[in-house]
Amino acid sequence: MTTRRIRGPLSGAVARLCTELRGGVGTTTANGLDEVLHRLGEPLQLAVVGRIKSGKSTLVNAMIGRNVAPTDVGECTRVVTRFRYGTVDRVEVVLRDGDRRSLPFTPEGAIPAELGVERERVSHLEVYLTNDVLRDLTVIDTPGLGSTDDSAVSRTEAVLGGAEDEPDGRLDPVSRSAVAGAEAVLYVVTQSVRADDRHALSSFGAATGDRPAGPVNALAVLNKVDTVEPESVREGDGTVWNSAELLARRQARQLRPRVADVLPVIGLLAETAETGVFTASDAEALRRLAELDAGTRQTMLISADLFTSWECDVPSGTRTRLLELLDLYGVRRALEAMDADPAITAGELRRVLHEASGLSEISRGLDTIFRSRADGIKAAAGLASVAAVAQRSGDPAERGRIHDAVEALLAQPDAHQLRLLEALTLVSAGEVTLPPDLLDEVLRLGSSDNPAERLGMLGGSPERMVEFALERANWWRSFASLGSTPAQSRVAHVVHRAYFLLWQQLRGGPSARR
């Protein structure tokens, strides 16, 4: 059994639109609208994507708080896996013909490496877990982009852009291709952003409405930052984490405006700290290492080989386990924590590792970028899917009826956020170009729910924010009329109205009617 989420006001409005439309359209279009309705009632669909060996599954385990996604090469790492909330833990193998087969967890509680059926017959895995984090966020683990396995790559691209070969018993292929796919993306990169990283983000289609990745629905993480060589990063202070933050900021500039931000993380440390695999015995082994003389300790920490092979009282097998859990960077951080507090407990040490991993910032990013705006993201993706369903209709009158209904919804003041998300999509995709300062302003205005953040006036007085919102509303209205191209003018009108509504909100007045 799974639970249904309560729709927010924007996704609820789109759901009512679908319900009102479906009685006056053909069977194929009605099926497409039904699927949009179904997806609007589901949690936000977040795809975790990236190149092979970028640490996606390790990060997924850390996010879920359970060591369930296999990180070693196996059949299940080559298929899409959806982690969903359920009242009973279970794994289902969904076949391409629509059949489903149950799969037992391993004794350790992980998905088994072998699926028990030919991989070519598998569409994807559905994993239901009782973890609360999945109540409002379905996490989709994907095969690595850049894999030599063409079928694995096609499955990932299906999640990003629209799976036409994933039967679910509800839709014909045409309707399914209009509504399948993830609604948001967490993109995992390593030390260098490659051309195919940018291409993958360019081809990302949220809910297949040809909606590209952008600051509203995409966040990137720089994983494995413990492998960053500080001396390779200019202007760093010689420490790993400072160098990683500088590198992440540079990558954010490279990927902008496809992603809201790039945040550094050490997925292995995060997984170890969050999934309960780090035990009191591991803490005790680290304590024994901390008691070694400084020369021995320093030598052992030069390399992984020396760490496991150098003679000391801690068994080599125990040290190998510590490397598997923490790598050398994590071992160093744990020993530093023990030097500072010799009486530190295993639980406190886990908290140190958690903070050292950078997972706290990732969690905050998921909350502020995705969860807090899930209603708007799902509603925008739903409208894009409605438009895609209409586009595939062979009836011009039917297409016109759906178009008019969507425009009527978007004309409502309470739905203007969807217009703003649409404008963000256009500038993120490069379909509308703006000068850098105006691009920054549009991204800031549409990438937060906090009025002060939207205005770029954190700490500003309420009176000044009211004045500034009206100033910018008037400026963008003038720009729309006098200083812009036709494409820029369409965006400028949306931005003007967004500022005007924000001005009214800050004044405590009624919603705008113009």
Protein backbone atom coordinates (compact mmCIF):
# COMPACT_ATOMS: atom_id res chain seq x y z
CA MET A 1 0.00 0.00 0.00
CA THR A 2 1.13 3.55 -0.74
CA THR A 3 -0.28 6.85 0.44
CA ARG A 4 -1.64 9.62 -1.77
CA ARG A 5 -0.44 13.14 -1.18
CA ILE A 6 -2.78 16.11 -0.83
CA ARG A 7 -2.41 18.42 -3.82
CA GLY A 8 -1.30 22.01 -3.26
CA PRO A 9 -3.35 24.93 -4.59
CA LEU A 10 -1.54 25.19 -7.94
CA SER A 11 -1.43 21.47 -8.72
CA GLY A 12 -5.02 21.27 -7.45
CA ALA A 13 -6.03 23.91 -10.00
CA VAL A 14 -4.37 21.93 -12.79
CA ALA A 15 -6.11 18.77 -11.54
CA ARG A 16 -9.50 20.53 -11.71
CA LEU A 17 -8.64 21.68 -15.22
CA CYS A 18 -7.95 18.08 -16.28
CA THR A 19 -11.18 16.87 -14.67
CA GLU A 20 -13.24 19.55 -16.42
CA LEU A 21 -11.62 18.87 -19.81
CA ARG A 22 -11.67 15.08 -19.89
CA GLY A 23 -15.44 14.78 -20.40
CA GLY A 24 -15.30 16.67 -23.70
CA VAL A 25 -12.32 15.01 -25.40
CA GLY A 26 -11.59 11.75 -27.16
CA THR A 27 -10.46 8.54 -25.49
CA THR A 28 -6.75 8.99 -26.23
CA THR A 29 -6.68 12.54 -24.90
CA ALA A 30 -8.79 11.58 -21.88
CA ASN A 31 -6.30 8.82 -21.06
CA GLY A 32 -3.49 11.37 -21.19
CA LEU A 33 -5.37 13.74 -18.89
CA ASP A 34 -6.06 10.86 -16.50
CA GLU A 35 -2.33 10.17 -16.30
CA VAL A 36 -1.64 13.84 -15.56
CA LEU A 37 -4.22 13.64 -12.77
CA HIS A 38 -2.52 10.53 -11.42
CA ARG A 39 0.92 12.15 -11.41
CA LEU A 40 -0.41 15.33 -9.78
CA GLY A 41 -1.48 13.19 -6.84
CA GLU A 42 1.97 11.61 -6.48
CA PRO A 43 4.97 13.03 -4.59
CA LEU A 44 7.51 15.04 -6.56
CA GLN A 45 9.54 12.78 -8.86
CA LEU A 46 13.26 13.51 -8.41
CA ALA A 47 15.73 11.77 -10.74
CA VAL A 48 19.31 11.37 -9.53
CA VAL A 49 21.43 11.30 -12.67
CA GLY A 50 25.06 11.57 -13.69
CA ARG A 51 27.91 9.76 -15.32
CA ILE A 52 28.86 6.18 -14.41
CA LYS A 53 30.94 5.91 -11.24
CA SER A 54 29.87 9.38 -10.09
CA GLY A 55 28.47 7.96 -6.85
CA LYS A 56 24.74 8.33 -7.57
CA SER A 57 23.57 5.24 -5.69
CA THR A 58 25.78 6.04 -2.70
CA LEU A 59 24.18 9.48 -2.55
CA VAL A 60 20.70 7.98 -2.92
CA ASN A 61 21.37 5.74 0.09
CA ALA A 62 22.48 8.77 2.11
CA MET A 63 19.38 10.76 1.11
CA ILE A 64 17.04 7.89 2.01
CA GLY A 65 18.96 7.05 5.17
CA ARG A 66 19.17 3.37 4.36
CA ASN A 67 21.82 1.25 2.65
CA VAL A 68 19.38 -0.16 0.09
CA ALA A 69 20.61 0.86 -3.38
CA PRO A 70 23.46 -1.39 -4.55
CA THR A 71 26.65 0.49 -5.36
CA ASP A 72 28.54 -2.45 -6.88
CA VAL A 73 28.13 -3.39 -10.52
CA GLY A 74 25.19 -5.75 -10.98
CA GLU A 75 22.02 -6.16 -13.01
CA CYS A 76 20.01 -3.83 -10.79
CA THR A 77 22.52 -0.98 -11.23
CA ARG A 78 21.73 -1.00 -14.96
CA VAL A 79 18.00 -0.33 -14.58
CA VAL A 80 16.00 2.61 -13.35
CA THR A 81 14.94 2.21 -9.71
CA ARG A 82 12.15 4.27 -8.17
CA PHE A 83 12.22 4.59 -4.37
CA ARG A 84 8.71 5.35 -3.15
CA TYR A 85 6.96 5.54 0.19
CA GLY A 86 5.01 2.45 1.20
CA THR A 87 3.47 1.05 4.36
CA VAL A 88 5.34 -2.24 3.76
CA ASP A 89 8.93 -2.57 2.52
CA ARG A 90 9.03 -4.46 -0.77
CA VAL A 91 10.72 -4.60 -4.19
CA GLU A 92 8.84 -5.11 -7.45
CA VAL A 93 10.44 -5.84 -10.83
CA VAL A 94 8.26 -4.16 -13.45
CA LEU A 95 8.56 -5.91 -16.82
CA ARG A 96 8.13 -4.33 -20.22
CA ASP A 97 4.94 -6.31 -20.81
CA GLY A 98 3.40 -4.78 -17.67
CA ASP A 99 3.82 -7.85 -15.45
CA ARG A 100 5.25 -7.35 -11.95
CA ARG A 101 7.35 -9.75 -9.90
CA SER A 102 8.27 -9.49 -6.25
CA LEU A 103 11.93 -9.57 -5.29
CA PRO A 104 13.20 -10.24 -1.74
CA PHE A 105 15.65 -7.91 -0.06
CA THR A 106 19.07 -9.28 0.84
CA PRO A 107 19.64 -10.23 4.51
CA GLU A 108 21.27 -6.79 4.90
CA GLY A 109 18.10 -5.09 3.65
CA ALA A 110 19.44 -4.09 0.21
CA ILE A 111 18.13 -4.71 -3.30
CA PRO A 112 19.72 -7.94 -4.58
CA ALA A 113 22.31 -7.65 -7.32
CA GLU A 114 20.50 -10.17 -9.55
CA LEU A 115 16.95 -9.62 -10.75
CA GLY A 116 15.94 -13.22 -11.45
CA VAL A 117 14.75 -12.34 -14.95
CA GLU A 118 16.46 -11.34 -18.20
CA ARG A 119 17.41 -7.69 -17.93
CA GLU A 120 16.13 -7.00 -21.46
CA ARG A 121 12.62 -7.79 -20.21
CA VAL A 122 12.83 -5.30 -17.30
CA SER A 123 11.32 -1.82 -17.50
CA HIS A 124 12.34 -0.66 -14.01
CA LEU A 125 12.27 -1.47 -10.30
CA GLU A 126 9.73 -0.10 -7.84
CA VAL A 127 11.09 -0.10 -4.27
CA TYR A 128 8.59 0.75 -1.53
CA LEU A 129 10.08 1.80 1.82
CA THR A 130 8.59 3.09 5.06
CA ASN A 131 11.12 5.93 5.24
CA ASP A 132 9.43 9.27 5.95
CA VAL A 133 11.74 11.14 3.56
CA LEU A 134 9.89 9.42 0.70
CA ARG A 135 6.44 10.64 1.74
CA ASP A 136 6.81 13.80 -0.34
CA LEU A 137 9.71 12.90 -2.65
CA THR A 138 10.04 9.87 -4.91
CA VAL A 139 13.75 9.34 -5.58
CA ILE A 140 14.70 7.78 -8.92
CA ASP A 141 18.13 6.18 -9.17
CA THR A 142 19.32 5.91 -12.77
CA PRO A 143 22.00 4.01 -14.69
CA GLY A 144 25.03 6.13 -15.46
CA LEU A 145 25.14 8.35 -18.50
CA GLY A 146 28.18 7.53 -20.60
CA SER A 147 27.76 3.80 -19.96
CA THR A 148 28.81 1.37 -22.67
CA ASP A 149 25.48 -0.39 -22.07
CA ASP A 150 23.19 1.27 -24.62
CA SER A 151 20.02 -0.16 -23.02
CA ALA A 152 20.99 1.30 -19.62
CA VAL A 153 21.58 4.71 -21.18
CA SER A 154 18.24 4.58 -22.99
CA ARG A 155 16.47 3.84 -19.71
CA THR A 156 18.10 6.87 -18.10
CA GLU A 157 17.17 9.03 -21.08
CA ALA A 158 13.61 7.73 -20.79
CA VAL A 159 13.41 8.97 -17.21
CA LEU A 160 14.83 12.33 -18.26
CA GLY A 161 12.85 12.81 -21.40
CA GLY A 162 9.87 10.49 -21.80
CA ALA A 163 9.64 6.73 -21.61
CA GLU A 164 7.63 5.39 -24.54
CA ASP A 165 8.43 1.76 -23.75
CA GLU A 166 7.34 1.66 -20.11
CA PRO A 167 3.90 0.03 -19.95
CA ASP A 168 1.77 0.77 -16.95
CA GLY A 169 -1.64 -0.49 -18.01
CA ARG A 170 -3.20 2.97 -18.22
CA LEU A 171 -1.97 4.62 -21.41
CA ASP A 172 -1.46 4.06 -25.09
CA PRO A 173 2.14 4.82 -26.23
CA VAL A 174 1.30 8.27 -27.62
CA SER A 175 -0.37 9.45 -24.43
CA ARG A 176 2.32 7.86 -22.26
CA SER A 177 5.10 9.70 -24.08
CA ALA A 178 3.35 12.96 -23.31
CA VAL A 179 3.32 12.55 -19.55
CA ALA A 180 6.11 10.18 -18.44
CA GLY A 181 9.39 11.34 -16.91
CA ALA A 182 10.82 12.99 -13.85
CA GLU A 183 9.76 16.44 -12.68
CA ALA A 184 13.04 17.48 -11.07
CA VAL A 185 16.67 16.42 -11.30
CA LEU A 186 19.60 16.10 -8.93
CA TYR A 187 22.64 15.98 -11.20
CA VAL A 188 25.79 14.37 -9.81
CA VAL A 189 29.08 15.62 -11.25
CA THR A 190 32.66 14.99 -10.29
CA GLN A 191 35.68 17.24 -10.60
CA SER A 192 35.24 18.33 -14.22
CA VAL A 193 32.02 19.30 -15.98
CA ARG A 194 32.04 17.56 -19.35
CA ALA A 195 30.21 18.40 -22.56
CA ASP A 196 27.82 15.47 -22.12
CA ASP A 197 26.96 16.73 -18.61
CA ARG A 198 25.68 19.93 -20.17
CA HIS A 199 23.96 17.97 -22.93
CA ALA A 200 22.16 15.77 -20.42
CA LEU A 201 20.84 18.82 -18.61
CA SER A 202 19.85 20.41 -21.92
CA SER A 203 17.80 17.33 -22.86
CA PHE A 204 16.09 16.92 -19.50
CA GLY A 205 12.32 17.04 -20.05
CA ALA A 206 10.32 17.42 -16.85
CA ALA A 207 7.16 15.37 -17.34
CA THR A 208 8.14 15.23 -21.05
CA GLY A 209 6.51 18.56 -21.79
CA ASP A 210 9.85 19.53 -23.35
CA ARG A 211 10.64 21.41 -20.17
CA PRO A 212 14.41 21.74 -19.79
CA ALA A 213 16.34 21.71 -16.55
CA GLY A 214 16.52 25.08 -14.86
CA PRO A 215 16.94 26.80 -11.49
CA VAL A 216 13.47 25.75 -10.36
CA ASN A 217 13.73 22.02 -11.04
CA ALA A 218 17.45 21.18 -11.12
CA LEU A 219 20.23 21.07 -8.54
CA ALA A 220 23.75 19.70 -9.05
CA VAL A 221 26.11 18.20 -6.53
CA LEU A 222 29.89 17.94 -6.80
CA ASN A 223 30.52 14.48 -5.39
CA LYS A 224 33.71 12.83 -4.09
CA VAL A 225 35.22 16.16 -3.11
CA ASP A 226 37.62 14.34 -0.79
CA THR A 227 39.53 13.42 -3.96
CA VAL A 228 40.08 17.08 -4.90
CA GLU A 229 43.77 18.04 -4.85
CA PRO A 230 43.83 21.46 -3.08
CA GLU A 231 46.88 22.62 -5.04
CA SER A 232 44.95 22.12 -8.30
CA VAL A 233 42.39 24.80 -7.37
CA ARG A 234 43.52 28.39 -7.74
CA GLU A 235 42.84 30.85 -4.92
CA GLY A 236 42.17 28.06 -2.42
CA ASP A 237 43.55 28.05 1.10
CA GLY A 238 45.13 24.62 0.75
CA THR A 239 42.29 22.70 2.43
CA VAL A 240 40.18 20.10 0.68
CA TRP A 241 36.78 21.57 1.58
CA ASN A 242 37.62 25.17 0.69
CA SER A 243 39.03 23.99 -2.64
CA ALA A 244 35.89 21.94 -3.26
CA GLU A 245 33.63 24.93 -2.55
CA LEU A 246 35.61 27.06 -5.01
CA LEU A 247 35.41 24.30 -7.61
CA ALA A 248 31.65 23.92 -7.03
CA ARG A 249 31.12 27.67 -7.57
CA ARG A 250 33.05 27.51 -10.83
CA GLN A 251 31.00 24.54 -11.98
CA ALA A 252 27.83 26.41 -11.05
CA ARG A 253 28.89 29.17 -13.43
CA GLN A 254 29.52 26.58 -16.16
CA LEU A 255 26.14 24.91 -15.73
CA ARG A 256 24.17 28.10 -15.13
CA PRO A 257 21.30 28.64 -15.67
CA ARG A 258 20.54 24.94 -16.06
CA VAL A 259 20.86 24.34 -12.31
CA ALA A 260 20.01 26.34 -9.22
CA ASP A 261 23.41 25.65 -7.66
CA VAL A 262 26.26 23.15 -7.37
CA LEU A 263 26.86 21.90 -3.82
CA PRO A 264 29.91 19.89 -2.68
CA VAL A 265 29.41 16.55 -0.97
CA ILE A 266 31.27 13.39 -0.01
CA GLY A 267 28.68 10.74 -0.76
CA LEU A 268 30.55 7.91 0.94
CA LEU A 269 30.81 9.78 4.25
CA ALA A 270 27.16 10.80 3.97
CA GLU A 271 26.08 7.21 3.36
CA THR A 272 28.16 5.92 6.27
CA ALA A 273 26.85 8.56 8.67
CA GLU A 274 23.19 8.28 7.65
CA THR A 275 22.53 4.59 7.04
CA GLY A 276 23.62 3.13 10.37
CA VAL A 277 26.51 1.06 9.00
CA PHE A 278 29.02 2.86 11.23
CA THR A 279 29.07 0.96 14.53
CA ALA A 280 30.52 1.26 18.01
CA SER A 281 33.13 -1.31 16.94
CA ASP A 282 34.22 1.00 14.13
CA ALA A 283 34.49 3.89 16.58
CA GLU A 284 36.59 1.71 18.89
CA ALA A 285 38.92 0.77 16.02
CA LEU A 286 39.40 4.46 15.23
CA ARG A 287 40.09 5.10 18.92
CA ARG A 288 42.89 2.53 18.82
CA LEU A 289 44.32 4.20 15.72
CA ALA A 290 44.17 7.58 17.46
CA GLU A 291 46.34 6.17 20.25
CA LEU A 292 49.18 5.22 17.88
CA ASP A 293 52.31 7.33 17.96
CA ALA A 294 52.28 10.36 15.65
CA GLY A 295 54.92 8.98 13.26
CA THR A 296 53.10 5.70 12.67
CA ARG A 297 49.78 7.46 12.20
CA GLN A 298 51.23 9.97 9.75
CA THR A 299 52.84 7.23 7.69
CA MET A 300 49.67 5.13 7.55
CA LEU A 301 47.61 8.09 6.33
CA ILE A 302 49.86 8.73 3.31
CA SER A 303 48.01 6.22 1.13
CA ALA A 304 45.34 3.53 1.21
CA ASP A 305 47.95 0.81 0.68
CA LEU A 306 50.02 1.98 3.63
CA PHE A 307 46.92 2.36 5.77
CA THR A 308 45.95 -1.29 5.33
CA SER A 309 49.42 -2.87 5.13
CA TRP A 310 51.47 -1.01 7.76
CA GLU A 311 52.03 -3.06 10.88
CA CYS A 312 50.08 -1.96 13.95
CA ASP A 313 47.81 -3.37 16.62
CA VAL A 314 44.62 -2.76 14.62
CA PRO A 315 44.00 -5.76 12.29
CA SER A 316 44.37 -5.10 8.58
CA GLY A 317 40.84 -6.35 7.90
CA THR A 318 39.44 -3.80 10.35
CA ARG A 319 41.38 -1.03 8.64
CA THR A 320 40.09 -2.19 5.26
CA ARG A 321 36.53 -1.87 6.56
CA LEU A 322 37.26 1.67 7.81
CA LEU A 323 38.54 2.60 4.36
CA GLU A 324 35.39 1.17 2.77
CA LEU A 325 33.25 3.25 5.14
CA LEU A 326 35.23 6.49 5.31
CA ASP A 327 38.13 6.51 2.86
CA LEU A 328 41.31 8.22 4.04
CA TYR A 329 39.71 11.66 4.25
CA GLY A 330 37.01 10.42 6.60
CA VAL A 331 39.53 8.51 8.71
CA ARG A 332 41.57 11.70 9.09
CA ARG A 333 38.49 13.71 10.09
CA ALA A 334 37.46 11.07 12.62
CA LEU A 335 40.96 10.97 14.15
CA GLU A 336 41.02 14.78 14.37
CA ALA A 337 37.70 14.66 16.21
CA MET A 338 39.11 12.09 18.63
CA ASP A 339 42.22 14.20 19.18
CA ALA A 340 39.98 17.13 20.09
CA ASP A 341 37.72 15.01 22.33
CA PRO A 342 39.19 11.64 23.40
CA ALA A 343 35.88 10.74 25.09
CA ILE A 344 33.77 11.28 21.96
CA THR A 345 31.04 8.65 21.54
CA ALA A 346 30.18 6.69 18.40
CA GLY A 347 26.98 8.71 18.01
CA GLU A 348 28.84 12.01 18.29
CA LEU A 349 31.42 10.75 15.82
CA ARG A 350 28.65 9.96 13.34
CA ARG A 351 27.46 13.55 13.66
CA VAL A 352 30.99 14.79 12.94
CA LEU A 353 31.12 12.61 9.83
CA HIS A 354 27.68 13.83 8.77
CA GLU A 355 28.78 17.46 8.95
CA ALA A 356 32.08 16.66 7.21
CA SER A 357 30.17 15.04 4.33
CA GLY A 358 28.26 18.17 3.27
CA LEU A 359 24.95 16.28 3.31
CA SER A 360 23.33 18.94 5.50
CA GLU A 361 23.62 21.47 2.68
CA ILE A 362 22.25 18.97 0.18
CA SER A 363 19.26 18.35 2.47
CA ARG A 364 18.70 22.10 2.79
CA GLY A 365 18.92 22.43 -0.97
CA LEU A 366 16.34 19.69 -1.46
CA ASP A 367 14.04 21.46 0.99
CA THR A 368 14.40 25.00 -0.36
CA ILE A 369 14.66 24.23 -4.07
CA PHE A 370 12.34 21.24 -4.41
CA ARG A 371 10.13 20.50 -1.42
CA SER A 372 9.10 24.09 -0.70
CA ARG A 373 8.16 24.60 -4.36
CA ALA A 374 6.90 21.11 -5.12
CA ASP A 375 3.37 22.40 -5.72
CA GLY A 376 4.55 24.87 -8.37
CA ILE A 377 6.97 22.41 -9.97
CA LYS A 378 4.31 19.72 -10.22
CA ALA A 379 1.70 22.16 -11.49
CA ALA A 380 4.06 23.54 -14.17
CA ALA A 381 5.03 20.02 -15.21
CA GLY A 382 1.37 19.05 -15.23
CA LEU A 383 0.45 21.96 -17.50
CA ALA A 384 3.34 21.08 -19.79
CA SER A 385 1.99 17.55 -19.95
CA VAL A 386 -1.53 18.81 -20.69
CA ALA A 387 -0.09 20.87 -23.55
CA ALA A 388 1.82 17.79 -24.80
CA VAL A 389 -1.35 15.69 -24.68
CA ALA A 390 -3.21 18.37 -26.66
CA GLN A 391 -0.38 18.62 -29.20
CA ARG A 392 -0.74 14.90 -29.94
CA SER A 393 -4.47 15.18 -30.50
CA GLY A 394 -5.58 14.82 -34.09
CA ASP A 395 -8.62 17.04 -33.48
CA PRO A 396 -7.94 20.78 -34.01
CA ALA A 397 -11.06 21.75 -32.07
CA GLU A 398 -9.94 19.60 -29.16
CA ARG A 399 -6.48 21.20 -29.20
CA GLY A 400 -8.05 24.66 -29.24
CA ARG A 401 -10.39 23.85 -26.36
CA ILE A 402 -7.49 22.65 -24.18
CA HIS A 403 -5.34 25.65 -25.13
CA ASP A 404 -8.10 28.10 -24.22
CA ALA A 405 -8.68 26.35 -20.87
CA VAL A 406 -4.96 26.52 -20.02
CA GLU A 407 -4.79 30.22 -20.93
CA ALA A 408 -7.84 30.93 -18.77
CA LEU A 409 -6.14 29.21 -15.83
CA LEU A 410 -2.92 31.14 -16.34
CA ALA A 411 -4.81 34.43 -16.46
CA GLN A 412 -5.87 34.01 -12.83
CA PRO A 413 -3.70 36.06 -10.42
CA ASP A 414 -3.18 33.11 -8.09
CA ALA A 415 -1.73 31.11 -10.97
CA HIS A 416 0.77 33.75 -12.08
CA GLN A 417 3.57 31.76 -10.44
CA LEU A 418 3.12 29.27 -13.28
CA ARG A 419 3.66 32.05 -15.81
CA LEU A 420 6.85 32.97 -14.00
CA LEU A 421 8.03 29.35 -14.01
CA GLU A 422 7.32 29.27 -17.74
CA ALA A 423 9.44 32.41 -18.21
CA LEU A 424 12.25 30.83 -16.20
CA THR A 425 12.06 27.80 -18.45
CA LEU A 426 12.44 29.95 -21.55
CA VAL A 427 15.50 31.81 -20.29
CA SER A 428 17.04 28.63 -18.84
CA ALA A 429 16.67 26.88 -22.20
CA GLY A 430 18.24 29.83 -24.02
CA GLU A 431 15.06 30.39 -26.03
CA VAL A 432 15.00 33.96 -24.70
CA THR A 433 18.30 35.73 -24.12
CA LEU A 434 18.70 38.52 -21.59
CA PRO A 435 21.68 40.65 -20.51
CA PRO A 436 23.50 38.98 -17.58
CA ASP A 437 22.19 41.42 -14.96
CA LEU A 438 18.57 40.95 -16.07
CA LEU A 439 19.02 37.19 -16.29
CA ASP A 440 20.27 37.17 -12.69
CA GLU A 441 17.26 39.21 -11.64
CA VAL A 442 14.74 36.91 -13.33
CA LEU A 443 16.40 33.82 -11.84
CA ARG A 444 16.37 35.38 -8.37
CA LEU A 445 12.75 36.48 -8.65
CA GLY A 446 11.54 33.05 -9.70
CA SER A 447 13.79 30.82 -7.62
CA SER A 448 12.50 31.54 -4.11
CA ASP A 449 9.29 31.95 -2.15
CA ASN A 450 10.86 34.42 0.28
CA PRO A 451 9.99 38.04 -0.75
CA ALA A 452 13.29 39.39 0.59
CA GLU A 453 15.28 36.79 -1.34
CA ARG A 454 13.23 37.37 -4.49
CA LEU A 455 14.06 41.06 -4.29
CA GLY A 456 17.69 40.49 -3.36
CA MET A 457 17.09 42.47 -0.15
CA LEU A 458 17.76 40.10 2.73
CA GLY A 459 17.78 42.24 5.86
CA GLY A 460 16.05 45.12 4.06
CA SER A 461 13.29 47.13 5.70
CA PRO A 462 9.68 46.30 4.75
CA GLU A 463 9.14 49.89 3.56
CA ARG A 464 12.11 49.78 1.21
CA MET A 465 11.09 46.37 -0.16
CA VAL A 466 7.63 47.75 -1.01
CA GLU A 467 9.23 50.70 -2.83
CA PHE A 468 11.71 48.51 -4.66
CA ALA A 469 9.08 46.00 -5.83
CA LEU A 470 7.08 48.82 -7.39
CA GLU A 471 10.19 50.40 -8.92
CA ARG A 472 11.13 47.13 -10.60
CA ALA A 473 7.52 46.49 -11.71
CA ASN A 474 7.51 49.87 -13.49
CA TRP A 475 10.98 49.31 -14.96
CA TRP A 476 10.06 45.93 -16.45
CA ARG A 477 6.83 47.34 -17.87
CA SER A 478 8.84 50.02 -19.63
CA PHE A 479 11.37 47.47 -20.85
CA ALA A 480 8.55 45.29 -22.21
CA SER A 481 7.20 48.23 -24.22
CA LEU A 482 10.32 50.06 -25.33
CA GLY A 483 13.62 48.25 -24.94
CA SER A 484 13.10 44.60 -25.69
CA THR A 485 12.80 42.14 -28.53
CA PRO A 486 9.40 40.46 -28.99
CA ALA A 487 10.62 37.36 -27.11
CA GLN A 488 12.09 39.46 -24.32
CA SER A 489 8.87 41.47 -24.17
CA ARG A 490 6.83 38.34 -23.39
CA VAL A 491 9.14 37.51 -20.49
CA ALA A 492 9.26 41.14 -19.35
CA HIS A 493 5.47 41.34 -19.09
CA VAL A 494 5.50 38.25 -16.87
CA VAL A 495 8.27 39.69 -14.68
CA HIS A 496 6.45 43.03 -14.41
CA ARG A 497 3.31 41.30 -13.19
CA ALA A 498 5.30 39.16 -10.75
CA TYR A 499 6.79 42.29 -9.19
CA PHE A 500 3.39 43.98 -9.11
CA LEU A 501 1.82 41.02 -7.30
CA LEU A 502 4.78 40.94 -4.93
CA TRP A 503 4.29 44.66 -4.27
CA GLN A 504 0.64 44.02 -3.40
CA GLN A 505 1.60 41.09 -1.18
CA LEU A 506 4.11 43.21 0.74
CA ARG A 507 1.53 45.97 1.18
CA GLY A 508 -1.01 43.42 2.41
CA GLY A 509 -3.40 44.35 -0.37
CA PRO A 510 -5.68 42.20 -2.52
CA SER A 511 -4.45 40.20 -5.50
CA ALA A 512 -3.91 42.21 -8.67
CA ARG A 513 -6.68 42.20 -11.22
CA ARG A 514 -4.81 43.60 -14.15
